[in-house]
Amino acid sequence: MRNNNNYQQPDKEFSESVVQINRISKKTKGGNQVRFGAVVVLGDKKGKVGVGNSKAKDVRNAIRKAIEDAKKKMITVTMRGTTIPYSIIAKLGASKVMLKPAPPGSGIIAGGPMRIVLESAGIRDIVGKTMGSNNKISNVRATILALEKASNLLDKKNFMRDSANIKNTEEKTKKGKTK
């Protein structure tokens, strides 16, 4: 008997991790309406990560919609080797997140939802601490905000350095022309 199995599963571009699934019950005129909410972290383990949340009548559709939402909200994380370039603190609502670079080989020293985000981003050596809130969704969003903030600050720093170099070269060329 010949096996005609021509179907090949597509290679997964992103790794997905379900952070939380909530059961939502709403009292309506016709009875109770039950829905599910899902929070998903999506990353390629090479510096791109996103978080999405969604609601649907069943768990499978809630997760699928959350993955689509996460793909729309992807950010690029700036890394120096296997860690982040420098320490960063971010606050979002009641959640406060602190991320510090760690020496190679130390691993991810962070708990719960923060660990999921950092692993999905591809960061291998980092120290993290969540303060203020135990809410998983808030901690995930605060971690994403911290990583985004670090990338933006590094971009500004590079921009300032590049613009300073341009000014220096302009001054040198002006001095050269006056002689």
Foldseek 3Di string as FASTA:
>chain_A
DDDPPPDDDDDDQKDKDWQDKDWDWDQDPVGIQIKIKTKMWIARLAFKIFIFMAMDSDDVVRVVVRVVRRVVGIDGFDPDVQWAPAWWWFDDVQKIKIKGFFDPPPFEAEDGLLNVRSRRRNRGGIYMDIDGDPDNVRHNVRSVVRRRVSVVVVVVVVVVVVVVVVVVVVVVVVVVVVD
